[in-house]
Amino acid sequence: MFFTKGHGTANDFVILPDPDGELELTPALVAALCDRRRGIGGDGVLRVVRAAKHPAAVEHAADAEWFMDYWNSDGSIAEMCGNGVRVFARYLVENGLATAGPAGLPVATRAGVMLAVVEADIIAVRMSTPRVYAASTATIGALTVPGIAVDCGNPHLVCGLHDGVTLGSLDLTTAPAVDKTLFRAGVNVEFVEPAEPLDGLDLHVSMRVHERGSGETMSCGTGALAVGAVALRDAGLTTGSVAVDVLGGRVVITRDEPGAWWLAGPAVLVATGEIDLAGLGH
């Protein structure tokens, strides 16, 4: 099995070319591929398959040739991954499967069709409109932090830190406890603190994230989108840009005048190779 390894702000993925949907991808195989000691290592798997060849994407085939079949590192399937779309678009362009034109490149996902615009090192993706919809909390040990639920095509809980609690003090080795009646399918939890203003940007924050099915990751694109949506709302802004610092770098969330939401940041491919499936022992 051939693969490519890529990442967006250190949110890393094993990319599997499977244009005709012939690969027998299973939760056990995905978990083995993502194992950082026994496999390739990654926060998830991106399968590159034509939308017309996958039952979850065939309805989008008229709008997007390619479907990003995204799996979390534990073998569970997720609706959407913002950094994954950016890395996926980089893969399509660098392998001659799509053209990086000014009109953008459509990519089908389980959350709908996203549009990726490739400009040199930066890839911007037009995301689904985030829906801020409920108050809730996340608990880590003895610490309970209030948060806001945001639907970005997948579920998020954005928790602002207060009362002297800092990002560096959090232990995210285990999943924060959340309201399971509100988040029946699990939730990605973002913890946020303000950062110093940056020239040319309206807001600047830092975040850490615990992703369902993957644990703490170095970055989360849809998580940054959720954080940006809450930050703009709390600042009383209907449009604007939010720099979001993650452990793996920086992405920028923008809501433009027409009301579209964009996630922008670097996406790179770092290796290609061939996997010995027998050696994975899955």
Protein backbone atom coordinates (compact mmCIF):
# COMPACT_ATOMS: atom_id res chain seq x y z
CA MET A 1 0.00 0.00 0.00
CA PHE A 2 1.42 3.39 -0.99
CA PHE A 3 1.13 6.41 1.30
CA THR A 4 2.08 10.06 1.69
CA LYS A 5 2.65 11.77 5.03
CA GLY A 6 1.58 15.39 5.43
CA HIS A 7 0.64 17.93 8.06
CA GLY A 8 -0.99 21.31 8.60
CA THR A 9 0.52 23.15 11.59
CA ALA A 10 1.68 19.73 12.88
CA ASN A 11 -1.81 18.20 12.66
CA ASP A 12 -0.48 15.16 10.77
CA PHE A 13 -2.08 12.60 8.50
CA VAL A 14 -1.39 9.41 6.61
CA ILE A 15 -2.70 9.96 3.08
CA LEU A 16 -3.81 6.89 1.11
CA PRO A 17 -4.43 7.14 -2.65
CA ASP A 18 -7.51 5.07 -3.53
CA PRO A 19 -9.14 6.82 -6.51
CA ASP A 20 -11.59 4.04 -7.33
CA GLY A 21 -12.54 3.14 -3.75
CA GLU A 22 -11.01 -0.34 -3.85
CA LEU A 23 -9.08 -0.21 -0.58
CA GLU A 24 -10.52 -2.21 2.31
CA LEU A 25 -10.05 0.38 5.04
CA THR A 26 -11.01 -0.82 8.54
CA PRO A 27 -10.83 0.76 12.00
CA ALA A 28 -8.05 -1.67 12.96
CA LEU A 29 -6.00 -0.81 9.87
CA VAL A 30 -6.44 2.93 10.46
CA ALA A 31 -5.38 2.62 14.10
CA ALA A 32 -2.34 0.58 13.06
CA LEU A 33 -1.32 3.12 10.42
CA CYS A 34 -1.63 5.97 12.93
CA ASP A 35 0.34 4.18 15.67
CA ARG A 36 3.41 6.36 16.25
CA ARG A 37 5.63 3.46 17.31
CA ARG A 38 4.42 0.51 15.24
CA GLY A 39 3.00 2.30 12.19
CA ILE A 40 3.50 5.48 10.18
CA GLY A 41 2.04 7.74 12.86
CA GLY A 42 -0.62 10.41 12.53
CA ASP A 43 -3.66 12.12 13.98
CA GLY A 44 -5.75 10.49 11.28
CA VAL A 45 -5.99 8.96 7.81
CA LEU A 46 -7.06 10.82 4.67
CA ARG A 47 -8.22 8.45 1.94
CA VAL A 48 -8.15 10.07 -1.51
CA VAL A 49 -11.13 8.67 -3.43
CA ARG A 50 -13.32 9.97 -6.23
CA ALA A 51 -16.65 11.18 -4.88
CA ALA A 52 -18.50 9.10 -7.45
CA LYS A 53 -16.81 5.95 -6.08
CA HIS A 54 -17.73 6.34 -2.41
CA PRO A 55 -21.27 5.92 -1.04
CA ALA A 56 -20.79 8.73 1.51
CA ALA A 57 -19.92 11.23 -1.23
CA VAL A 58 -21.70 10.17 -4.40
CA GLU A 59 -24.31 12.91 -3.88
CA HIS A 60 -21.50 15.48 -4.17
CA ALA A 61 -19.93 14.00 -7.31
CA ALA A 62 -21.41 16.70 -9.56
CA ASP A 63 -19.77 19.43 -7.46
CA ALA A 64 -16.44 17.84 -6.44
CA GLU A 65 -14.39 15.14 -8.13
CA TRP A 66 -12.52 14.14 -4.96
CA PHE A 67 -13.78 13.01 -1.55
CA MET A 68 -11.74 13.28 1.64
CA ASP A 69 -12.57 10.09 3.53
CA TYR A 70 -11.31 11.10 6.97
CA TRP A 71 -10.71 8.67 9.85
CA ASN A 72 -9.51 9.55 13.36
CA SER A 73 -6.41 7.83 14.71
CA ASP A 74 -8.50 5.42 16.81
CA GLY A 75 -10.27 4.14 13.69
CA SER A 76 -13.47 6.13 14.12
CA ILE A 77 -14.89 8.19 11.25
CA ALA A 78 -15.28 11.96 11.51
CA GLU A 79 -17.43 14.35 9.52
CA MET A 80 -14.81 16.97 8.83
CA CYS A 81 -11.21 18.06 9.44
CA GLY A 82 -10.18 21.59 8.48
CA ASN A 83 -6.43 20.97 8.51
CA GLY A 84 -7.10 17.69 6.75
CA VAL A 85 -8.82 19.49 3.86
CA ARG A 86 -5.84 21.79 3.46
CA VAL A 87 -3.39 18.86 3.40
CA PHE A 88 -5.74 16.94 1.09
CA ALA A 89 -5.81 19.86 -1.35
CA ARG A 90 -2.00 20.08 -1.26
CA TYR A 91 -1.83 16.38 -2.13
CA LEU A 92 -4.24 16.72 -5.06
CA VAL A 93 -2.34 19.65 -6.56
CA GLU A 94 1.17 18.26 -6.07
CA ASN A 95 0.18 14.91 -7.58
CA GLY A 96 -1.49 16.43 -10.61
CA LEU A 97 -4.99 15.33 -9.63
CA ALA A 98 -6.37 18.88 -9.52
CA THR A 99 -5.43 22.40 -10.56
CA ALA A 100 -4.79 25.23 -8.10
CA GLY A 101 -6.77 27.92 -9.93
CA PRO A 102 -8.03 31.22 -8.49
CA ALA A 103 -11.59 29.87 -8.39
CA GLY A 104 -10.55 27.28 -5.83
CA LEU A 105 -10.63 23.51 -5.63
CA PRO A 106 -13.82 21.80 -4.37
CA VAL A 107 -13.33 18.94 -1.92
CA ALA A 108 -16.20 16.71 -0.81
CA THR A 109 -16.39 15.79 2.88
CA ARG A 110 -19.01 14.20 5.11
CA ALA A 111 -19.91 17.75 6.18
CA GLY A 112 -20.45 18.92 2.59
CA VAL A 113 -18.28 20.42 -0.14
CA MET A 114 -15.42 22.69 0.96
CA LEU A 115 -13.51 25.05 -1.35
CA ALA A 116 -9.71 25.19 -1.10
CA VAL A 117 -7.68 28.07 -2.52
CA VAL A 118 -3.96 27.36 -2.91
CA GLU A 119 -1.62 30.36 -2.78
CA ALA A 120 2.03 29.30 -2.56
CA ASP A 121 2.68 27.95 0.96
CA ILE A 122 -0.75 28.92 2.30
CA ILE A 123 -3.98 27.06 1.64
CA ALA A 124 -7.26 28.71 2.61
CA VAL A 125 -10.42 26.64 2.87
CA ARG A 126 -13.93 28.01 2.78
CA MET A 127 -15.59 26.22 5.67
CA SER A 128 -19.16 25.50 6.64
CA THR A 129 -20.75 28.34 8.61
CA PRO A 130 -20.17 27.60 12.32
CA ARG A 131 -23.29 27.50 14.48
CA VAL A 132 -22.87 28.72 18.07
CA TYR A 133 -25.76 27.16 19.92
CA ALA A 134 -25.46 26.28 23.63
CA ALA A 135 -23.62 26.87 26.90
CA SER A 136 -21.96 23.91 28.60
CA THR A 137 -18.85 22.99 30.61
CA ALA A 138 -15.74 20.82 30.41
CA THR A 139 -14.10 19.29 33.48
CA ILE A 140 -10.42 18.35 33.87
CA GLY A 141 -9.74 16.83 37.27
CA ALA A 142 -11.01 19.35 39.83
CA LEU A 143 -11.24 22.16 37.27
CA THR A 144 -14.55 22.92 35.53
CA VAL A 145 -14.45 25.49 32.73
CA PRO A 146 -17.53 27.09 31.15
CA GLY A 147 -17.78 26.78 27.39
CA ILE A 148 -19.85 27.39 24.29
CA ALA A 149 -20.95 24.59 21.95
CA VAL A 150 -20.25 25.20 18.27
CA ASP A 151 -21.26 23.04 15.31
CA CYS A 152 -18.66 23.26 12.50
CA GLY A 153 -19.92 20.21 10.64
CA ASN A 154 -18.50 18.35 13.63
CA PRO A 155 -19.06 19.16 17.33
CA HIS A 156 -16.90 21.51 19.40
CA LEU A 157 -16.89 23.00 22.89
CA VAL A 158 -14.92 26.27 23.18
CA CYS A 159 -13.82 27.01 26.74
CA GLY A 160 -12.27 30.35 27.69
CA LEU A 161 -9.80 30.25 30.58
CA HIS A 162 -10.17 32.64 33.51
CA ASP A 163 -9.13 33.18 37.12
CA GLY A 164 -5.41 32.64 36.54
CA VAL A 165 -5.78 29.27 34.81
CA THR A 166 -3.35 29.04 31.86
CA LEU A 167 -3.10 26.77 28.84
CA GLY A 168 0.22 25.43 30.06
CA SER A 169 -1.30 24.22 33.33
CA LEU A 170 -3.85 21.92 31.68
CA ASP A 171 -3.45 18.15 31.65
CA LEU A 172 -5.04 16.93 28.41
CA THR A 173 -3.67 13.39 28.52
CA THR A 174 -7.24 12.23 29.06
CA ALA A 175 -10.46 13.53 27.57
CA PRO A 176 -12.23 16.33 29.46
CA ALA A 177 -15.54 15.29 30.97
CA VAL A 178 -18.50 16.86 29.12
CA ASP A 179 -22.29 16.71 29.05
CA LYS A 180 -22.96 13.47 27.17
CA THR A 181 -26.60 14.33 26.67
CA LEU A 182 -25.55 17.41 24.69
CA PHE A 183 -22.64 15.71 22.92
CA ARG A 184 -23.98 12.24 22.22
CA ALA A 185 -21.40 11.59 19.48
CA GLY A 186 -18.50 13.01 21.49
CA VAL A 187 -16.94 16.46 21.10
CA ASN A 188 -13.68 18.24 20.38
CA VAL A 189 -12.83 20.52 23.31
CA GLU A 190 -10.83 23.73 22.81
CA PHE A 191 -9.31 25.73 25.67
CA VAL A 192 -8.55 29.34 24.83
CA GLU A 193 -6.69 32.32 26.27
CA PRO A 194 -6.14 35.82 24.79
CA ALA A 195 -2.82 36.71 23.15
CA GLU A 196 -1.04 39.95 22.25
CA PRO A 197 -2.60 41.97 19.37
CA LEU A 198 -1.13 41.48 15.89
CA ASP A 199 -0.91 44.07 13.12
CA GLY A 200 -3.52 43.59 10.41
CA LEU A 201 -5.67 41.17 12.40
CA ASP A 202 -8.68 41.95 14.54
CA LEU A 203 -8.12 39.37 17.27
CA HIS A 204 -5.40 37.01 18.48
CA VAL A 205 -5.85 34.00 20.77
CA SER A 206 -4.02 30.82 21.74
CA MET A 207 -5.63 27.41 22.13
CA ARG A 208 -5.06 23.77 23.01
CA VAL A 209 -7.43 21.07 21.84
CA HIS A 210 -8.45 17.56 22.81
CA GLU A 211 -10.00 15.88 19.77
CA ARG A 212 -12.46 13.04 20.07
CA GLY A 213 -10.89 9.89 18.67
CA SER A 214 -7.36 11.35 18.57
CA GLY A 215 -6.54 12.89 21.98
CA GLU A 216 -4.63 16.15 22.25
CA THR A 217 -3.36 17.24 18.86
CA MET A 218 -0.95 19.94 17.78
CA SER A 219 -3.66 21.70 15.80
CA CYS A 220 -7.33 21.38 14.80
CA GLY A 221 -8.73 23.34 11.86
CA THR A 222 -12.41 23.07 12.72
CA GLY A 223 -11.47 23.73 16.34
CA ALA A 224 -9.78 26.96 15.29
CA LEU A 225 -12.91 27.83 13.30
CA ALA A 226 -15.06 27.28 16.39
CA VAL A 227 -12.69 29.40 18.48
CA GLY A 228 -12.70 32.16 15.85
CA ALA A 229 -16.48 32.18 15.68
CA VAL A 230 -16.80 32.58 19.46
CA ALA A 231 -14.05 35.22 19.58
CA LEU A 232 -15.68 37.37 16.89
CA ARG A 233 -19.08 36.99 18.53
CA ASP A 234 -17.75 37.97 21.95
CA ALA A 235 -16.02 41.01 20.39
CA GLY A 236 -19.27 42.09 18.73
CA LEU A 237 -17.80 41.72 15.22
CA THR A 238 -19.81 40.41 12.28
CA THR A 239 -16.71 40.24 10.05
CA GLY A 240 -12.99 40.10 10.80
CA SER A 241 -9.91 37.93 11.18
CA VAL A 242 -8.72 35.95 14.18
CA ALA A 243 -5.16 34.60 14.49
CA VAL A 244 -5.31 31.30 16.39
CA ASP A 245 -2.03 30.03 17.80
CA VAL A 246 -1.93 26.27 18.24
CA LEU A 247 0.89 24.07 19.49
CA GLY A 248 1.95 23.44 15.90
CA GLY A 249 1.92 27.01 14.61
CA ARG A 250 -0.68 29.56 13.58
CA VAL A 251 -3.83 29.56 11.46
CA VAL A 252 -6.12 32.47 10.63
CA ILE A 253 -9.90 32.39 10.71
CA THR A 254 -11.69 35.03 8.64
CA ARG A 255 -15.31 35.90 8.14
CA ASP A 256 -15.51 38.06 5.02
CA GLU A 257 -18.06 40.65 3.90
CA PRO A 258 -20.22 38.13 1.98
CA GLY A 259 -20.40 36.10 5.21
CA ALA A 260 -18.14 33.20 4.19
CA TRP A 261 -15.80 31.63 6.76
CA TRP A 262 -12.21 30.80 5.86
CA LEU A 263 -9.44 28.78 7.51
CA ALA A 264 -5.94 29.64 6.24
CA GLY A 265 -2.52 28.26 7.06
CA PRO A 266 0.38 26.17 5.78
CA ALA A 267 0.03 22.58 4.58
CA VAL A 268 2.99 20.45 3.56
CA LEU A 269 3.77 16.94 2.35
CA VAL A 270 6.87 15.49 3.99
CA ALA A 271 7.26 11.88 2.82
CA THR A 272 6.03 9.18 0.49
CA GLY A 273 6.53 5.45 0.75
CA GLU A 274 5.13 1.95 0.71
CA ILE A 275 3.55 0.23 3.69
CA ASP A 276 4.17 -3.44 4.48
CA LEU A 277 0.72 -4.42 5.72
CA ALA A 278 2.04 -7.67 7.20
CA GLY A 279 4.48 -5.66 9.28
CA LEU A 280 1.70 -3.55 10.78
CA GLY A 281 0.31 -6.61 12.54
CA HIS A 282 -3.22 -5.22 12.58
